[in-house]
C-alpha atoms as a PDB file:
ATOM      1  CA  MET A   1     -38.048  12.737  71.219  1.00  0.00           C
ATOM      2  CA  THR A   2     -34.612  13.241  69.833  1.00  0.00           C
ATOM      3  CA  SER A   3     -32.401  10.415  68.726  1.00  0.00           C
ATOM      4  CA  SER A   4     -29.645  11.564  71.115  1.00  0.00           C
ATOM      5  CA  LYS A   5     -31.837  10.834  74.134  1.00  0.00           C
ATOM      6  CA  GLN A   6     -32.677   7.282  75.177  1.00  0.00           C
ATOM      7  CA  VAL A   7     -36.469   6.954  75.430  1.00  0.00           C
ATOM      8  CA  SER A   8     -37.690   5.300  78.633  1.00  0.00           C
ATOM      9  CA  ILE A   9     -40.938   3.907  79.975  1.00  0.00           C
ATOM     10  CA  ALA A  10     -41.353   7.102  81.997  1.00  0.00           C
ATOM     11  CA  ASP A  11     -41.280   9.103  78.736  1.00  0.00           C
ATOM     12  CA  ILE A  12     -44.144   7.278  77.046  1.00  0.00           C
ATOM     13  CA  MET A  13     -46.370   5.834  79.798  1.00  0.00           C
ATOM     14  CA  SER A  14     -49.640   7.410  80.875  1.00  0.00           C
ATOM     15  CA  ARG A  15     -49.289   9.104  84.255  1.00  0.00           C
ATOM     16  CA  ASN A  16     -52.909  10.199  84.640  1.00  0.00           C
ATOM     17  CA  ILE A  17     -54.078   6.796  85.740  1.00  0.00           C
ATOM     18  CA  VAL A  18     -57.756   6.016  86.077  1.00  0.00           C
ATOM     19  CA  THR A  19     -58.162   3.350  88.760  1.00  0.00           C
ATOM     20  CA  LEU A  20     -60.852   1.387  90.503  1.00  0.00           C
ATOM     21  CA  ARG A  21     -61.139   0.226  94.090  1.00  0.00           C
ATOM     22  CA  LEU A  22     -61.607  -3.447  94.826  1.00  0.00           C
ATOM     23  CA  GLU A  23     -65.036  -2.834  96.373  1.00  0.00           C
ATOM     24  CA  GLN A  24     -66.432  -1.320  93.163  1.00  0.00           C
ATOM     25  CA  THR A  25     -68.473  -3.172  90.547  1.00  0.00           C
ATOM     26  CA  LEU A  26     -68.178  -4.186  86.937  1.00  0.00           C
ATOM     27  CA  HIS A  27     -70.676  -1.434  86.104  1.00  0.00           C
ATOM     28  CA  ASP A  28     -68.268   1.138  87.583  1.00  0.00           C
ATOM     29  CA  GLY A  29     -65.430  -0.257  85.486  1.00  0.00           C
ATOM     30  CA  ASN A  30     -67.522  -0.268  82.328  1.00  0.00           C
ATOM     31  CA  GLU A  31     -68.552   3.353  82.858  1.00  0.00           C
ATOM     32  CA  LEU A  32     -64.985   4.522  83.500  1.00  0.00           C
ATOM     33  CA  MET A  33     -63.726   2.705  80.420  1.00  0.00           C
ATOM     34  CA  ARG A  34     -66.407   4.326  78.303  1.00  0.00           C
ATOM     35  CA  GLU A  35     -65.932   7.800  79.805  1.00  0.00           C
ATOM     36  CA  HIS A  36     -62.130   7.808  79.452  1.00  0.00           C
ATOM     37  CA  ARG A  37     -61.987   5.711  76.260  1.00  0.00           C
ATOM     38  CA  ILE A  38     -59.595   3.182  77.754  1.00  0.00           C
ATOM     39  CA  ARG A  39     -59.513  -0.613  77.891  1.00  0.00           C
ATOM     40  CA  HIS A  40     -57.528  -1.377  81.058  1.00  0.00           C
ATOM     41  CA  LEU A  41     -58.060  -0.250  84.646  1.00  0.00           C
ATOM     42  CA  PRO A  42     -55.740  -1.017  87.548  1.00  0.00           C
ATOM     43  CA  VAL A  43     -57.641  -2.084  90.670  1.00  0.00           C
ATOM     44  CA  LEU A  44     -56.399  -0.927  94.074  1.00  0.00           C
ATOM     45  CA  ASP A  45     -57.099  -2.131  97.608  1.00  0.00           C
ATOM     46  CA  GLU A  46     -58.006   0.115 100.550  1.00  0.00           C
ATOM     47  CA  GLN A  47     -54.325   1.010 101.070  1.00  0.00           C
ATOM     48  CA  GLY A  48     -53.865   1.979  97.418  1.00  0.00           C
ATOM     49  CA  HIS A  49     -51.827  -1.094  96.465  1.00  0.00           C
ATOM     50  CA  LEU A  50     -52.296  -2.727  93.087  1.00  0.00           C
ATOM     51  CA  VAL A  51     -54.317  -5.937  93.482  1.00  0.00           C
ATOM     52  CA  GLY A  52     -55.494  -6.579  89.953  1.00  0.00           C
ATOM     53  CA  LEU A  53     -56.369  -5.351  86.511  1.00  0.00           C
ATOM     54  CA  LEU A  54     -59.729  -5.074  84.815  1.00  0.00           C
ATOM     55  CA  ASP A  55     -59.699  -5.198  81.046  1.00  0.00           C
ATOM     56  CA  GLN A  56     -62.374  -4.685  78.461  1.00  0.00           C
ATOM     57  CA  LYS A  57     -62.400  -8.383  77.542  1.00  0.00           C
ATOM     58  CA  VAL A  58     -63.680  -9.271  81.020  1.00  0.00           C
ATOM     59  CA  VAL A  59     -66.414  -6.623  80.822  1.00  0.00           C
ATOM     60  CA  LEU A  60     -67.517  -7.851  77.399  1.00  0.00           C
ATOM     61  CA  LYS A  61     -67.459 -11.506  78.471  1.00  0.00           C
ATOM     62  CA  GLU A  62     -69.630 -10.775  81.511  1.00  0.00           C
ATOM     63  CA  ALA A  63     -71.975  -8.530  79.513  1.00  0.00           C
ATOM     64  CA  LEU A  64     -72.498 -11.323  76.969  1.00  0.00           C
ATOM     65  CA  ARG A  65     -73.105 -13.849  79.745  1.00  0.00           C
ATOM     66  CA  ILE A  66     -75.662 -11.532  81.363  1.00  0.00           C
ATOM     67  CA  ALA A  67     -77.390 -10.766  78.064  1.00  0.00           C
ATOM     68  CA  ASP A  68     -77.594 -14.473  77.316  1.00  0.00           C
ATOM     69  CA  ASN A  69     -79.105 -15.252  80.720  1.00  0.00           C
ATOM     70  CA  PHE A  70     -81.256 -12.176  81.370  1.00  0.00           C
ATOM     71  CA  GLY A  71     -81.489 -10.200  78.137  1.00  0.00           C
ATOM     72  CA  SER A  72     -79.891  -6.824  77.600  1.00  0.00           C
ATOM     73  CA  ARG A  73     -82.608  -4.538  78.966  1.00  0.00           C
ATOM     74  CA  ARG A  74     -81.126  -4.242  82.452  1.00  0.00           C
ATOM     75  CA  LEU A  75     -77.482  -4.884  81.621  1.00  0.00           C
ATOM     76  CA  SER A  76     -76.167  -1.981  83.731  1.00  0.00           C
ATOM     77  CA  HIS A  77     -78.156  -3.213  86.727  1.00  0.00           C
ATOM     78  CA  HIS A  78     -76.704  -6.705  86.428  1.00  0.00           C
ATOM     79  CA  LEU A  79     -73.162  -5.399  85.881  1.00  0.00           C
ATOM     80  CA  GLY A  80     -73.657  -3.423  89.092  1.00  0.00           C
ATOM     81  CA  GLN A  81     -74.242  -6.685  90.957  1.00  0.00           C
ATOM     82  CA  ILE A  82     -70.832  -8.108  90.037  1.00  0.00           C
ATOM     83  CA  SER A  83     -67.986  -7.222  92.377  1.00  0.00           C
ATOM     84  CA  LEU A  84     -64.598  -6.534  90.824  1.00  0.00           C
ATOM     85  CA  ASN A  85     -63.250  -8.858  93.478  1.00  0.00           C
ATOM     86  CA  ASP A  86     -64.936 -11.734  91.615  1.00  0.00           C
ATOM     87  CA  VAL A  87     -63.772 -11.016  88.067  1.00  0.00           C
ATOM     88  CA  ILE A  88     -60.469  -9.135  87.943  1.00  0.00           C
ATOM     89  CA  SER A  89     -57.208 -10.703  86.925  1.00  0.00           C
ATOM     90  CA  ARG A  90     -54.990 -10.829  90.011  1.00  0.00           C
ATOM     91  CA  GLU A  91     -51.907 -12.205  88.319  1.00  0.00           C
ATOM     92  CA  VAL A  92     -50.851  -8.896  86.848  1.00  0.00           C
ATOM     93  CA  LEU A  93     -47.587  -8.480  85.026  1.00  0.00           C
ATOM     94  CA  THR A  94     -46.039  -5.160  85.981  1.00  0.00           C
ATOM     95  CA  LEU A  95     -43.111  -3.064  84.919  1.00  0.00           C
ATOM     96  CA  SER A  96     -40.770  -1.066  87.077  1.00  0.00           C
ATOM     97  CA  ILE A  97     -40.220   2.542  86.113  1.00  0.00           C
ATOM     98  CA  ASP A  98     -36.632   1.712  85.126  1.00  0.00           C
ATOM     99  CA  THR A  99     -37.423  -1.313  82.926  1.00  0.00           C
ATOM    100  CA  PRO A 100     -35.757  -0.800  79.523  1.00  0.00           C
ATOM    101  CA  LEU A 101     -38.265  -0.193  76.739  1.00  0.00           C
ATOM    102  CA  VAL A 102     -37.015  -3.170  74.744  1.00  0.00           C
ATOM    103  CA  GLU A 103     -37.679  -5.435  77.742  1.00  0.00           C
ATOM    104  CA  ALA A 104     -41.163  -3.943  78.176  1.00  0.00           C
ATOM    105  CA  GLY A 105     -41.869  -4.546  74.499  1.00  0.00           C
ATOM    106  CA  GLN A 106     -40.707  -8.134  74.813  1.00  0.00           C
ATOM    107  CA  LYS A 107     -43.098  -8.627  77.761  1.00  0.00           C
ATOM    108  CA  PHE A 108     -45.983  -7.263  75.691  1.00  0.00           C
ATOM    109  CA  LEU A 109     -45.185  -9.676  72.862  1.00  0.00           C
ATOM    110  CA  ALA A 110     -44.448 -12.725  75.000  1.00  0.00           C
ATOM    111  CA  HIS A 111     -47.544 -12.386  77.183  1.00  0.00           C
ATOM    112  CA  ARG A 112     -49.885 -10.767  74.645  1.00  0.00           C
ATOM    113  CA  GLN A 113     -50.854  -7.993  77.028  1.00  0.00           C
ATOM    114  CA  GLY A 114     -52.585  -4.751  76.063  1.00  0.00           C
ATOM    115  CA  ALA A 115     -51.357  -2.763  79.061  1.00  0.00           C
ATOM    116  CA  LEU A 116     -48.971  -3.170  81.962  1.00  0.00           C
ATOM    117  CA  PRO A 117     -49.068  -1.163  85.202  1.00  0.00           C
ATOM    118  CA  VAL A 118     -45.817   0.636  86.047  1.00  0.00           C
ATOM    119  CA  LEU A 119     -44.581   0.614  89.649  1.00  0.00           C
ATOM    120  CA  ASP A 120     -41.951   2.740  91.367  1.00  0.00           C
ATOM    121  CA  ALA A 121     -39.185   1.353  93.610  1.00  0.00           C
ATOM    122  CA  GLU A 122     -41.621   1.176  96.561  1.00  0.00           C
ATOM    123  CA  GLY A 123     -44.194  -0.760  94.547  1.00  0.00           C
ATOM    124  CA  ARG A 124     -46.597   2.174  94.137  1.00  0.00           C
ATOM    125  CA  LEU A 125     -48.548   2.556  90.918  1.00  0.00           C
ATOM    126  CA  VAL A 126     -47.055   5.488  88.976  1.00  0.00           C
ATOM    127  CA  GLY A 127     -48.331   4.853  85.471  1.00  0.00           C
ATOM    128  CA  ILE A 128     -49.608   2.432  82.910  1.00  0.00           C
ATOM    129  CA  LEU A 129     -47.931   1.494  79.655  1.00  0.00           C
ATOM    130  CA  SER A 130     -50.140   0.314  76.824  1.00  0.00           C
ATOM    131  CA  SER A 131     -49.587  -1.055  73.377  1.00  0.00           C
ATOM    132  CA  VAL A 132     -50.997   2.255  72.108  1.00  0.00           C
ATOM    133  CA  ASP A 133     -48.079   4.043  73.815  1.00  0.00           C
ATOM    134  CA  PHE A 134     -45.691   1.877  71.792  1.00  0.00           C
ATOM    135  CA  VAL A 135     -47.540   2.668  68.575  1.00  0.00           C
ATOM    136  CA  ARG A 136     -47.333   6.409  69.347  1.00  0.00           C
ATOM    137  CA  LEU A 137     -43.590   6.039  69.928  1.00  0.00           C
ATOM    138  CA  ALA A 138     -43.140   4.134  66.672  1.00  0.00           C
ATOM    139  CA  VAL A 139     -45.071   6.779  64.737  1.00  0.00           C
ATOM    140  CA  ALA A 140     -43.025   9.580  66.327  1.00  0.00           C
ATOM    141  CA  LEU A 141     -39.756   7.820  65.525  1.00  0.00           C
ATOM    142  CA  LEU A 142     -40.834   7.048  61.973  1.00  0.00           C
ATOM    143  CA  ASP A 143     -42.007  10.621  61.495  1.00  0.00           C
ATOM    144  CA  THR A 144     -38.695  12.115  62.652  1.00  0.00           C
ATOM    145  CA  SER A 145     -36.602   9.655  60.643  1.00  0.00           C
ATOM    146  CA  SER A 146     -38.455  10.354  57.390  1.00  0.00           C
ATOM    147  CA  GLY A 147     -38.083  14.143  57.644  1.00  0.00           C
END
């Protein structure tokens, strides 16, 4: 990332997006988060349109509720009984691929989000931008400016 080039969302977002389908369960989401070491999963409908976002906070909240009610021995079983349709956040803030980085950063701060799905001009999911992506950018910029 050189200082002569304006950095964009497309430059720092994750393009290899791990997603869930609406008909999957909280267990599926938990397993994908663990396997890929991520905290946010876009949820798609049958046509592949973004319908919601599952974040780690929801998984933890439900896991604690289940453990409190049933104990933790069969947590995976109980998580498998909860449809994503029942627990995902459907009011998802999104970014367009051409949103300026400063505006994206302001959205993160104003809405205290950990990740925002990125959509192309047709509304298709093309990436996800996380607060970690911003930290990586900051480190890269600090590293190049100190050398």
